Amino acid sequence: KTKRLTAFCAGILLAGLAGSALVMQKPEDSTVRIVQDGVVLFQTD
C-alpha cells in the first residue's frame, strides 16, 4: 500500500508541476489590458 500511495502522490505532484508550467508560460499574443471592476480602462499591444 505504501508503494501505491507513493506512486499516486508522485503522479499528482507531476501533474501539478505540468499544469503550473502551462499556466506560467507567456502568451503568444502581446496585447495587454488593464481592468478595474470589470471595465477595460486601457488596452495596448
PDB file of all heavy atoms in Angstrom:
ATOM      1  N   LYS A   1       0.825  -1.207   0.000  1.00  0.00           N
ATOM      2  CA  LYS A   1       0.000   0.000   0.000  1.00  0.00           C
ATOM      3  C   LYS A   1       0.859   1.256   0.000  1.00  0.00           C
ATOM      4  O   LYS A   1       0.516   2.246  -0.625  1.00  0.00           O
ATOM      5  CB  LYS A   1      -0.928   0.009   1.212  1.00  0.00           C
ATOM      6  CG  LYS A   1      -2.092  -0.929   1.109  1.00  0.00           C
ATOM      7  CD  LYS A   1      -3.001  -0.762   2.301  1.00  0.00           C
ATOM      8  CE  LYS A   1      -4.186  -1.699   2.218  1.00  0.00           C
ATOM      9  NZ  LYS A   1      -5.100  -1.517   3.337  1.00  0.00           N
ATOM     10  N   THR A   2       1.986   1.198   0.695  1.00  0.00           N
ATOM     11  CA  THR A   2       2.873   2.354   0.760  1.00  0.00           C
ATOM     12  C   THR A   2       3.435   2.690  -0.615  1.00  0.00           C
ATOM     13  O   THR A   2       3.524   3.856  -0.986  1.00  0.00           O
ATOM     14  CB  THR A   2       4.029   2.083   1.754  1.00  0.00           C
ATOM     15  OG1 THR A   2       3.472   1.720   3.010  1.00  0.00           O
ATOM     16  CG2 THR A   2       4.900   3.297   1.924  1.00  0.00           C
ATOM     17  N   LYS A   3       3.810   1.680  -1.388  1.00  0.00           N
ATOM     18  CA  LYS A   3       4.344   1.908  -2.726  1.00  0.00           C
ATOM     19  C   LYS A   3       3.285   2.526  -3.635  1.00  0.00           C
ATOM     20  O   LYS A   3       3.564   3.424  -4.417  1.00  0.00           O
ATOM     21  CB  LYS A   3       4.865   0.612  -3.331  1.00  0.00           C
ATOM     22  CG  LYS A   3       6.150   0.136  -2.723  1.00  0.00           C
ATOM     23  CD  LYS A   3       6.654  -1.104  -3.414  1.00  0.00           C
ATOM     24  CE  LYS A   3       7.949  -1.575  -2.782  1.00  0.00           C
ATOM     25  NZ  LYS A   3       8.475  -2.768  -3.451  1.00  0.00           N
ATOM     26  N   ARG A   4       2.059   2.036  -3.540  1.00  0.00           N
ATOM     27  CA  ARG A   4       0.963   2.587  -4.355  1.00  0.00           C
ATOM     28  C   ARG A   4       0.683   4.034  -3.972  1.00  0.00           C
ATOM     29  O   ARG A   4       0.471   4.879  -4.828  1.00  0.00           O
ATOM     30  CB  ARG A   4      -0.303   1.751  -4.195  1.00  0.00           C
ATOM     31  CG  ARG A   4      -0.247   0.435  -4.898  1.00  0.00           C
ATOM     32  CD  ARG A   4      -1.561  -0.280  -4.785  1.00  0.00           C
ATOM     33  NE  ARG A   4      -1.430  -1.644  -5.278  1.00  0.00           N
ATOM     34  CZ  ARG A   4      -2.299  -2.581  -5.059  1.00  0.00           C
ATOM     35  NH1 ARG A   4      -3.380  -2.321  -4.332  1.00  0.00           N
ATOM     36  NH2 ARG A   4      -2.124  -3.783  -5.544  1.00  0.00           N
ATOM     37  N   LEU A   5       0.673   4.294  -2.671  1.00  0.00           N
ATOM     38  CA  LEU A   5       0.422   5.657  -2.196  1.00  0.00           C
ATOM     39  C   LEU A   5       1.533   6.588  -2.650  1.00  0.00           C
ATOM     40  O   LEU A   5       1.277   7.708  -3.106  1.00  0.00           O
ATOM     41  CB  LEU A   5       0.285   5.679  -0.672  1.00  0.00           C
ATOM     42  CG  LEU A   5      -0.025   7.034  -0.042  1.00  0.00           C
ATOM     43  CD1 LEU A   5      -1.349   7.564  -0.585  1.00  0.00           C
ATOM     44  CD2 LEU A   5      -0.083   6.916   1.468  1.00  0.00           C
ATOM     45  N   THR A   6       2.767   6.140  -2.569  1.00  0.00           N
ATOM     46  CA  THR A   6       3.906   6.947  -3.024  1.00  0.00           C
ATOM     47  C   THR A   6       3.811   7.224  -4.517  1.00  0.00           C
ATOM     48  O   THR A   6       4.035   8.346  -4.969  1.00  0.00           O
ATOM     49  CB  THR A   6       5.232   6.226  -2.695  1.00  0.00           C
ATOM     50  OG1 THR A   6       5.290   5.986  -1.285  1.00  0.00           O
ATOM     51  CG2 THR A   6       6.427   7.050  -3.105  1.00  0.00           C
ATOM     52  N   ALA A   7       3.479   6.212  -5.295  1.00  0.00           N
ATOM     53  CA  ALA A   7       3.337   6.391  -6.744  1.00  0.00           C
ATOM     54  C   ALA A   7       2.188   7.329  -7.068  1.00  0.00           C
ATOM     55  O   ALA A   7       2.301   8.186  -7.955  1.00  0.00           O
ATOM     56  CB  ALA A   7       3.119   5.041  -7.420  1.00  0.00           C
ATOM     57  N   PHE A   8       1.089   7.212  -6.324  1.00  0.00           N
ATOM     58  CA  PHE A   8      -0.063   8.090  -6.526  1.00  0.00           C
ATOM     59  C   PHE A   8       0.310   9.539  -6.220  1.00  0.00           C
ATOM     60  O   PHE A   8       0.008  10.449  -6.992  1.00  0.00           O
ATOM     61  CB  PHE A   8      -1.230   7.635  -5.646  1.00  0.00           C
ATOM     62  CG  PHE A   8      -2.434   8.514  -5.732  1.00  0.00           C
ATOM     63  CD1 PHE A   8      -3.247   8.494  -6.857  1.00  0.00           C
ATOM     64  CD2 PHE A   8      -2.763   9.383  -4.701  1.00  0.00           C
ATOM     65  CE1 PHE A   8      -4.363   9.305  -6.947  1.00  0.00           C
ATOM     66  CE2 PHE A   8      -3.867  10.194  -4.777  1.00  0.00           C
ATOM     67  CZ  PHE A   8      -4.672  10.155  -5.903  1.00  0.00           C
ATOM     68  N   CYS A   9       0.987   9.762  -5.102  1.00  0.00           N
ATOM     69  CA  CYS A   9       1.408  11.116  -4.710  1.00  0.00           C
ATOM     70  C   CYS A   9       2.390  11.698  -5.723  1.00  0.00           C
ATOM     71  O   CYS A   9       2.321  12.877  -6.069  1.00  0.00           O
ATOM     72  CB  CYS A   9       2.026  11.108  -3.319  1.00  0.00           C
ATOM     73  SG  CYS A   9       0.831  10.795  -2.015  1.00  0.00           S
ATOM     74  N   ALA A  10       3.297  10.873  -6.202  1.00  0.00           N
ATOM     75  CA  ALA A  10       4.255  11.326  -7.216  1.00  0.00           C
ATOM     76  C   ALA A  10       3.523  11.711  -8.498  1.00  0.00           C
ATOM     77  O   ALA A  10       3.859  12.705  -9.146  1.00  0.00           O
ATOM     78  CB  ALA A  10       5.283  10.236  -7.487  1.00  0.00           C
ATOM     79  N   GLY A  11       2.510  10.939  -8.875  1.00  0.00           N
ATOM     80  CA  GLY A  11       1.721  11.264 -10.063  1.00  0.00           C
ATOM     81  C   GLY A  11       0.990  12.584  -9.921  1.00  0.00           C
ATOM     82  O   GLY A  11       0.959  13.392 -10.847  1.00  0.00           O
ATOM     83  N   ILE A  12       0.423  12.811  -8.760  1.00  0.00           N
ATOM     84  CA  ILE A  12      -0.272  14.084  -8.516  1.00  0.00           C
ATOM     85  C   ILE A  12       0.713  15.242  -8.564  1.00  0.00           C
ATOM     86  O   ILE A  12       0.436  16.289  -9.148  1.00  0.00           O
ATOM     87  CB  ILE A  12      -1.022  14.042  -7.170  1.00  0.00           C
ATOM     88  CG1 ILE A  12      -2.227  13.107  -7.286  1.00  0.00           C
ATOM     89  CG2 ILE A  12      -1.460  15.433  -6.733  1.00  0.00           C
ATOM     90  CD1 ILE A  12      -2.993  12.918  -6.004  1.00  0.00           C
ATOM     91  N   LEU A  13       1.868  15.081  -7.972  1.00  0.00           N
ATOM     92  CA  LEU A  13       2.897  16.115  -7.981  1.00  0.00           C
ATOM     93  C   LEU A  13       3.328  16.441  -9.408  1.00  0.00           C
ATOM     94  O   LEU A  13       3.415  17.611  -9.785  1.00  0.00           O
ATOM     95  CB  LEU A  13       4.099  15.672  -7.147  1.00  0.00           C
ATOM     96  CG  LEU A  13       5.260  16.651  -7.100  1.00  0.00           C
ATOM     97  CD1 LEU A  13       4.838  17.952  -6.416  1.00  0.00           C
ATOM     98  CD2 LEU A  13       6.440  16.043  -6.386  1.00  0.00           C
ATOM     99  N   LEU A  14       3.584  15.421 -10.212  1.00  0.00           N
ATOM    100  CA  LEU A  14       3.990  15.647 -11.603  1.00  0.00           C
ATOM    101  C   LEU A  14       2.887  16.337 -12.407  1.00  0.00           C
ATOM    102  O   LEU A  14       3.162  17.227 -13.205  1.00  0.00           O
ATOM    103  CB  LEU A  14       4.387  14.330 -12.256  1.00  0.00           C
ATOM    104  CG  LEU A  14       5.715  13.734 -11.792  1.00  0.00           C
ATOM    105  CD1 LEU A  14       5.933  12.362 -12.414  1.00  0.00           C
ATOM    106  CD2 LEU A  14       6.859  14.664 -12.129  1.00  0.00           C
ATOM    107  N   ALA A  15       1.650  15.933 -12.202  1.00  0.00           N
ATOM    108  CA  ALA A  15       0.529  16.583 -12.900  1.00  0.00           C
ATOM    109  C   ALA A  15       0.426  18.044 -12.494  1.00  0.00           C
ATOM    110  O   ALA A  15       0.189  18.926 -13.326  1.00  0.00           O
ATOM    111  CB  ALA A  15      -0.771  15.852 -12.604  1.00  0.00           C
ATOM    112  N   GLY A  16       0.617  18.317 -11.215  1.00  0.00           N
ATOM    113  CA  GLY A  16       0.581  19.702 -10.734  1.00  0.00           C
ATOM    114  C   GLY A  16       1.697  20.538 -11.318  1.00  0.00           C
ATOM    115  O   GLY A  16       1.491  21.681 -11.718  1.00  0.00           O
ATOM    116  N   LEU A  17       2.883  19.978 -11.385  1.00  0.00           N
ATOM    117  CA  LEU A  17       4.014  20.702 -11.978  1.00  0.00           C
ATOM    118  C   LEU A  17       3.786  20.970 -13.463  1.00  0.00           C
ATOM    119  O   LEU A  17       4.084  22.058 -13.957  1.00  0.00           O
ATOM    120  CB  LEU A  17       5.308  19.918 -11.767  1.00  0.00           C
ATOM    121  CG  LEU A  17       5.841  19.875 -10.342  1.00  0.00           C
ATOM    122  CD1 LEU A  17       7.034  18.935 -10.258  1.00  0.00           C
ATOM    123  CD2 LEU A  17       6.205  21.261  -9.851  1.00  0.00           C
ATOM    124  N   ALA A  18       3.264  19.998 -14.176  1.00  0.00           N
ATOM    125  CA  ALA A  18       2.981  20.182 -15.600  1.00  0.00           C
ATOM    126  C   ALA A  18       1.918  21.253 -15.803  1.00  0.00           C
ATOM    127  O   ALA A  18       2.040  22.112 -16.684  1.00  0.00           O
ATOM    128  CB  ALA A  18       2.531  18.864 -16.222  1.00  0.00           C
ATOM    129  N   GLY A  19       0.889  21.232 -14.983  1.00  0.00           N
ATOM    130  CA  GLY A  19      -0.163  22.254 -15.070  1.00  0.00           C
ATOM    131  C   GLY A  19       0.377  23.632 -14.751  1.00  0.00           C
ATOM    132  O   GLY A  19       0.039  24.610 -15.416  1.00  0.00           O
ATOM    133  N   SER A  20       1.240  23.730 -13.764  1.00  0.00           N
ATOM    134  CA  SER A  20       1.849  25.015 -13.404  1.00  0.00           C
ATOM    135  C   SER A  20       2.695  25.550 -14.547  1.00  0.00           C
ATOM    136  O   SER A  20       2.696  26.737 -14.818  1.00  0.00           O
ATOM    137  CB  SER A  20       2.715  24.860 -12.155  1.00  0.00           C
ATOM    138  OG  SER A  20       1.927  24.510 -11.053  1.00  0.00           O
ATOM    139  N   ALA A  21       3.425  24.672 -15.208  1.00  0.00           N
ATOM    140  CA  ALA A  21       4.268  25.104 -16.320  1.00  0.00           C
ATOM    141  C   ALA A  21       3.413  25.688 -17.445  1.00  0.00           C
ATOM    142  O   ALA A  21       3.788  26.682 -18.065  1.00  0.00           O
ATOM    143  CB  ALA A  21       5.094  23.935 -16.835  1.00  0.00           C
ATOM    144  N   LEU A  22       2.261  25.097 -17.698  1.00  0.00           N
ATOM    145  CA  LEU A  22       1.380  25.619 -18.746  1.00  0.00           C
ATOM    146  C   LEU A  22       0.829  26.986 -18.375  1.00  0.00           C
ATOM    147  O   LEU A  22       0.737  27.888 -19.205  1.00  0.00           O
ATOM    148  CB  LEU A  22       0.236  24.636 -19.002  1.00  0.00           C
ATOM    149  CG  LEU A  22       0.617  23.331 -19.677  1.00  0.00           C
ATOM    150  CD1 LEU A  22      -0.590  22.396 -19.732  1.00  0.00           C
ATOM    151  CD2 LEU A  22       1.158  23.584 -21.061  1.00  0.00           C
ATOM    152  N   VAL A  23       0.450  27.166 -17.123  1.00  0.00           N
ATOM    153  CA  VAL A  23      -0.107  28.439 -16.669  1.00  0.00           C
ATOM    154  C   VAL A  23       0.958  29.524 -16.673  1.00  0.00           C
ATOM    155  O   VAL A  23       0.679  30.674 -16.967  1.00  0.00           O
ATOM    156  CB  VAL A  23      -0.726  28.294 -15.256  1.00  0.00           C
ATOM    157  CG1 VAL A  23      -1.058  29.638 -14.649  1.00  0.00           C
ATOM    158  CG2 VAL A  23      -1.957  27.421 -15.316  1.00  0.00           C
ATOM    159  N   MET A  24       2.178  29.175 -16.359  1.00  0.00           N
ATOM    160  CA  MET A  24       3.249  30.155 -16.227  1.00  0.00           C
ATOM    161  C   MET A  24       3.824  30.612 -17.560  1.00  0.00           C
ATOM    162  O   MET A  24       4.575  31.565 -17.612  1.00  0.00           O
ATOM    163  CB  MET A  24       4.368  29.592 -15.352  1.00  0.00           C
ATOM    164  CG  MET A  24       3.937  29.287 -13.934  1.00  0.00           C
ATOM    165  SD  MET A  24       3.378  30.735 -13.037  1.00  0.00           S
ATOM    166  CE  MET A  24       4.935  31.538 -12.748  1.00  0.00           C
ATOM    167  N   GLN A  25       3.484  29.953 -18.652  1.00  0.00           N
ATOM    168  CA  GLN A  25       4.013  30.346 -19.950  1.00  0.00           C
ATOM    169  C   GLN A  25       3.467  31.706 -20.358  1.00  0.00           C
ATOM    170  O   GLN A  25       2.321  32.040 -20.103  1.00  0.00           O
ATOM    171  CB  GLN A  25       3.637  29.329 -21.016  1.00  0.00           C
ATOM    172  CG  GLN A  25       4.368  28.029 -20.897  1.00  0.00           C
ATOM    173  CD  GLN A  25       3.953  27.060 -21.975  1.00  0.00           C
ATOM    174  OE1 GLN A  25       2.924  27.220 -22.619  1.00  0.00           O
ATOM    175  NE2 GLN A  25       4.758  26.048 -22.188  1.00  0.00           N
ATOM    176  N   LYS A  26       4.314  32.470 -21.024  1.00  0.00           N
ATOM    177  CA  LYS A  26       3.886  33.761 -21.548  1.00  0.00           C
ATOM    178  C   LYS A  26       3.023  33.524 -22.788  1.00  0.00           C
ATOM    179  O   LYS A  26       3.400  32.744 -23.665  1.00  0.00           O
ATOM    180  CB  LYS A  26       5.104  34.608 -21.919  1.00  0.00           C
ATOM    181  CG  LYS A  26       4.750  35.995 -22.372  1.00  0.00           C
ATOM    182  CD  LYS A  26       5.994  36.818 -22.606  1.00  0.00           C
ATOM    183  CE  LYS A  26       5.626  38.207 -23.054  1.00  0.00           C
ATOM    184  NZ  LYS A  26       6.797  39.032 -23.301  1.00  0.00           N
ATOM    185  N   PRO A  27       1.864  34.182 -22.867  1.00  0.00           N
ATOM    186  CA  PRO A  27       1.011  34.013 -24.040  1.00  0.00           C
ATOM    187  C   PRO A  27       1.709  34.492 -25.317  1.00  0.00           C
ATOM    188  O   PRO A  27       2.583  35.351 -25.272  1.00  0.00           O
ATOM    189  CB  PRO A  27      -0.204  34.897 -23.726  1.00  0.00           C
ATOM    190  CG  PRO A  27      -0.179  35.068 -22.256  1.00  0.00           C
ATOM    191  CD  PRO A  27       1.257  35.019 -21.851  1.00  0.00           C
ATOM    192  N   GLU A  28       1.314  33.938 -26.438  1.00  0.00           N
ATOM    193  CA  GLU A  28       1.904  34.334 -27.713  1.00  0.00           C
ATOM    194  C   GLU A  28       1.510  35.756 -28.091  1.00  0.00           C
ATOM    195  O   GLU A  28       2.298  36.484 -28.671  1.00  0.00           O
ATOM    196  CB  GLU A  28       1.468  33.360 -28.803  1.00  0.00           C
ATOM    197  CG  GLU A  28       2.053  31.975 -28.629  1.00  0.00           C
ATOM    198  CD  GLU A  28       1.580  31.011 -29.682  1.00  0.00           C
ATOM    199  OE1 GLU A  28       1.124  31.458 -30.753  1.00  0.00           O
ATOM    200  OE2 GLU A  28       1.653  29.805 -29.430  1.00  0.00           O
ATOM    201  N   ASP A  29       0.291  36.160 -27.790  1.00  0.00           N
ATOM    202  CA  ASP A  29      -0.188  37.496 -28.098  1.00  0.00           C
ATOM    203  C   ASP A  29       0.375  38.472 -27.077  1.00  0.00           C
ATOM    204  O   ASP A  29       0.428  38.179 -25.889  1.00  0.00           O
ATOM    205  CB  ASP A  29      -1.722  37.520 -28.060  1.00  0.00           C
ATOM    206  CG  ASP A  29      -2.306  38.830 -28.570  1.00  0.00           C
ATOM    207  OD1 ASP A  29      -1.557  39.655 -29.111  1.00  0.00           O
ATOM    208  OD2 ASP A  29      -3.520  39.018 -28.431  1.00  0.00           O
ATOM    209  N   SER A  30       0.791  39.644 -27.518  1.00  0.00           N
ATOM    210  CA  SER A  30       1.378  40.621 -26.614  1.00  0.00           C
ATOM    211  C   SER A  30       0.392  41.736 -26.242  1.00  0.00           C
ATOM    212  O   SER A  30       0.796  42.759 -25.722  1.00  0.00           O
ATOM    213  CB  SER A  30       2.642  41.223 -27.238  1.00  0.00           C
ATOM    214  OG  SER A  30       2.322  41.856 -28.462  1.00  0.00           O
ATOM    215  N   THR A  31      -0.886  41.520 -26.496  1.00  0.00           N
ATOM    216  CA  THR A  31      -1.896  42.513 -26.134  1.00  0.00           C
ATOM    217  C   THR A  31      -2.234  42.370 -24.656  1.00  0.00           C
ATOM    218  O   THR A  31      -2.556  41.296 -24.179  1.00  0.00           O
ATOM    219  CB  THR A  31      -3.174  42.333 -26.970  1.00  0.00           C
ATOM    220  OG1 THR A  31      -2.834  42.453 -28.351  1.00  0.00           O
ATOM    221  CG2 THR A  31      -4.212  43.378 -26.615  1.00  0.00           C
ATOM    222  N   VAL A  32      -2.116  43.489 -23.946  1.00  0.00           N
ATOM    223  CA  VAL A  32      -2.454  43.507 -22.525  1.00  0.00           C
ATOM    224  C   VAL A  32      -3.607  44.474 -22.309  1.00  0.00           C
ATOM    225  O   VAL A  32      -3.835  45.381 -23.105  1.00  0.00           O
ATOM    226  CB  VAL A  32      -1.264  43.928 -21.635  1.00  0.00           C
ATOM    227  CG1 VAL A  32      -0.152  42.921 -21.698  1.00  0.00           C
ATOM    228  CG2 VAL A  32      -0.776  45.308 -21.984  1.00  0.00           C
ATOM    229  N   ARG A  33      -4.315  44.242 -21.216  1.00  0.00           N
ATOM    230  CA  ARG A  33      -5.372  45.178 -20.862  1.00  0.00           C
ATOM    231  C   ARG A  33      -5.353  45.408 -19.362  1.00  0.00           C
ATOM    232  O   ARG A  33      -4.943  44.547 -18.591  1.00  0.00           O
ATOM    233  CB  ARG A  33      -6.725  44.719 -21.352  1.00  0.00           C
ATOM    234  CG  ARG A  33      -7.252  43.453 -20.755  1.00  0.00           C
ATOM    235  CD  ARG A  33      -8.560  43.091 -21.427  1.00  0.00           C
ATOM    236  NE  ARG A  33      -9.205  41.985 -20.731  1.00  0.00           N
ATOM    237  CZ  ARG A  33     -10.356  41.488 -21.083  1.00  0.00           C
ATOM    238  NH1 ARG A  33     -10.997  41.991 -22.119  1.00  0.00           N
ATOM    239  NH2 ARG A  33     -10.895  40.505 -20.409  1.00  0.00           N
ATOM    240  N   ILE A  34      -5.793  46.597 -18.999  1.00  0.00           N
ATOM    241  CA  ILE A  34      -5.892  46.979 -17.598  1.00  0.00           C
ATOM    242  C   ILE A  34      -7.374  47.099 -17.289  1.00  0.00           C
ATOM    243  O   ILE A  34      -8.097  47.844 -17.955  1.00  0.00           O
ATOM    244  CB  ILE A  34      -5.156  48.304 -17.340  1.00  0.00           C
ATOM    245  CG1 ILE A  34      -3.676  48.140 -17.701  1.00  0.00           C
ATOM    246  CG2 ILE A  34      -5.324  48.730 -15.891  1.00  0.00           C
ATOM    247  CD1 ILE A  34      -2.876  49.419 -17.660  1.00  0.00           C
ATOM    248  N   VAL A  35      -7.815  46.335 -16.298  1.00  0.00           N
ATOM    249  CA  VAL A  35      -9.235  46.227 -15.975  1.00  0.00           C
ATOM    250  C   VAL A  35      -9.450  46.631 -14.517  1.00  0.00           C
ATOM    251  O   VAL A  35      -8.655  46.283 -13.646  1.00  0.00           O
ATOM    252  CB  VAL A  35      -9.728  44.773 -16.183  1.00  0.00           C
ATOM    253  CG1 VAL A  35     -11.204  44.640 -15.876  1.00  0.00           C
ATOM    254  CG2 VAL A  35      -9.419  44.305 -17.597  1.00  0.00           C
ATOM    255  N   GLN A  36     -10.536  47.372 -14.290  1.00  0.00           N
ATOM    256  CA  GLN A  36     -10.924  47.740 -12.928  1.00  0.00           C
ATOM    257  C   GLN A  36     -12.419  47.533 -12.789  1.00  0.00           C
ATOM    258  O   GLN A  36     -13.203  48.101 -13.550  1.00  0.00           O
ATOM    259  CB  GLN A  36     -10.555  49.201 -12.650  1.00  0.00           C
ATOM    260  CG  GLN A  36     -10.618  49.596 -11.202  1.00  0.00           C
ATOM    261  CD  GLN A  36     -10.003  50.975 -11.003  1.00  0.00           C
ATOM    262  OE1 GLN A  36     -10.406  51.933 -11.661  1.00  0.00           O
ATOM    263  NE2 GLN A  36      -9.033  51.070 -10.112  1.00  0.00           N
ATOM    264  N   ASP A  37     -12.812  46.688 -11.855  1.00  0.00           N
ATOM    265  CA  ASP A  37     -14.219  46.342 -11.637  1.00  0.00           C
ATOM    266  C   ASP A  37     -14.905  45.876 -12.919  1.00  0.00           C
ATOM    267  O   ASP A  37     -16.040  46.238 -13.211  1.00  0.00           O
ATOM    268  CB  ASP A  37     -14.972  47.518 -11.024  1.00  0.00           C
ATOM    269  CG  ASP A  37     -14.617  47.750  -9.569  1.00  0.00           C
ATOM    270  OD1 ASP A  37     -14.192  46.787  -8.898  1.00  0.00           O
ATOM    271  OD2 ASP A  37     -14.761  48.882  -9.087  1.00  0.00           O
ATOM    272  N   GLY A  38     -14.193  45.081 -13.710  1.00  0.00           N
ATOM    273  CA  GLY A  38     -14.764  44.519 -14.930  1.00  0.00           C
ATOM    274  C   GLY A  38     -14.780  45.452 -16.122  1.00  0.00           C
ATOM    275  O   GLY A  38     -15.217  45.070 -17.201  1.00  0.00           O
ATOM    276  N   VAL A  39     -14.296  46.679 -15.959  1.00  0.00           N
ATOM    277  CA  VAL A  39     -14.275  47.655 -17.049  1.00  0.00           C
ATOM    278  C   VAL A  39     -12.848  47.772 -17.578  1.00  0.00           C
ATOM    279  O   VAL A  39     -11.907  47.989 -16.813  1.00  0.00           O
ATOM    280  CB  VAL A  39     -14.764  49.041 -16.558  1.00  0.00           C
ATOM    281  CG1 VAL A  39     -14.651  50.076 -17.662  1.00  0.00           C
ATOM    282  CG2 VAL A  39     -16.181  48.947 -16.029  1.00  0.00           C
ATOM    283  N   VAL A  40     -12.691  47.614 -18.889  1.00  0.00           N
ATOM    284  CA  VAL A  40     -11.375  47.764 -19.503  1.00  0.00           C
ATOM    285  C   VAL A  40     -11.043  49.249 -19.562  1.00  0.00           C
ATOM    286  O   VAL A  40     -11.714  50.020 -20.250  1.00  0.00           O
ATOM    287  CB  VAL A  40     -11.329  47.137 -20.912  1.00  0.00           C
ATOM    288  CG1 VAL A  40      -9.969  47.368 -21.550  1.00  0.00           C
ATOM    289  CG2 VAL A  40     -11.652  45.651 -20.855  1.00  0.00           C
ATOM    290  N   LEU A  41     -10.008  49.641 -18.820  1.00  0.00           N
ATOM    291  CA  LEU A  41      -9.593  51.039 -18.785  1.00  0.00           C
ATOM    292  C   LEU A  41      -8.567  51.372 -19.859  1.00  0.00           C
ATOM    293  O   LEU A  41      -8.483  52.509 -20.322  1.00  0.00           O
ATOM    294  CB  LEU A  41      -8.991  51.384 -17.414  1.00  0.00           C
ATOM    295  CG  LEU A  41      -9.866  51.128 -16.198  1.00  0.00           C
ATOM    296  CD1 LEU A  41      -9.089  51.427 -14.924  1.00  0.00           C
ATOM    297  CD2 LEU A  41     -11.127  51.982 -16.255  1.00  0.00           C
ATOM    298  N   PHE A  42      -7.786  50.362 -20.241  1.00  0.00           N
ATOM    299  CA  PHE A  42      -6.702  50.596 -21.196  1.00  0.00           C
ATOM    300  C   PHE A  42      -6.334  49.261 -21.825  1.00  0.00           C
ATOM    301  O   PHE A  42      -6.327  48.233 -21.153  1.00  0.00           O
ATOM    302  CB  PHE A  42      -5.486  51.184 -20.460  1.00  0.00           C
ATOM    303  CG  PHE A  42      -4.309  51.474 -21.338  1.00  0.00           C
ATOM    304  CD1 PHE A  42      -4.246  52.642 -22.073  1.00  0.00           C
ATOM    305  CD2 PHE A  42      -3.253  50.585 -21.414  1.00  0.00           C
ATOM    306  CE1 PHE A  42      -3.147  52.917 -22.878  1.00  0.00           C
ATOM    307  CE2 PHE A  42      -2.148  50.841 -22.212  1.00  0.00           C
ATOM    308  CZ  PHE A  42      -2.100  52.021 -22.938  1.00  0.00           C
ATOM    309  N   GLN A  43      -6.030  49.296 -23.115  1.00  0.00           N
ATOM    310  CA  GLN A  43      -5.589  48.090 -23.815  1.00  0.00           C
ATOM    311  C   GLN A  43      -4.565  48.493 -24.854  1.00  0.00           C
ATOM    312  O   GLN A  43      -4.735  49.509 -25.537  1.00  0.00           O
ATOM    313  CB  GLN A  43      -6.765  47.376 -24.468  1.00  0.00           C
ATOM    314  CG  GLN A  43      -6.370  46.066 -25.140  1.00  0.00           C
ATOM    315  CD  GLN A  43      -7.560  45.205 -25.502  1.00  0.00           C
ATOM    316  OE1 GLN A  43      -8.488  45.081 -24.720  1.00  0.00           O
ATOM    317  NE2 GLN A  43      -7.527  44.593 -26.673  1.00  0.00           N
ATOM    318  N   THR A  44      -3.498  47.707 -24.978  1.00  0.00           N
ATOM    319  CA  THR A  44      -2.469  48.004 -25.967  1.00  0.00           C
ATOM    320  C   THR A  44      -1.701  46.741 -26.323  1.00  0.00           C
ATOM    321  O   THR A  44      -1.680  45.782 -25.559  1.00  0.00           O
ATOM    322  CB  THR A  44      -1.480  49.080 -25.448  1.00  0.00           C
ATOM    323  OG1 THR A  44      -0.634  49.494 -26.514  1.00  0.00           O
ATOM    324  CG2 THR A  44      -0.636  48.579 -24.298  1.00  0.00           C
ATOM    325  N   ASP A  45      -1.078  46.766 -27.468  1.00  0.00           N
ATOM    326  CA  ASP A  45      -0.152  45.713 -27.876  1.00  0.00           C
ATOM    327  C   ASP A  45       1.233  46.159 -27.412  1.00  0.00           C
ATOM    328  O   ASP A  45       1.745  47.188 -27.861  1.00  0.00           O
ATOM    329  CB  ASP A  45      -0.185  45.535 -29.394  1.00  0.00           C
ATOM    330  CG  ASP A  45       0.693  44.405 -29.879  1.00  0.00           C
ATOM    331  OD1 ASP A  45       1.638  44.009 -29.162  1.00  0.00           O
ATOM    332  OD2 ASP A  45       0.443  43.912 -30.988  1.00  0.00           O
TER     333      ASP A  45
END
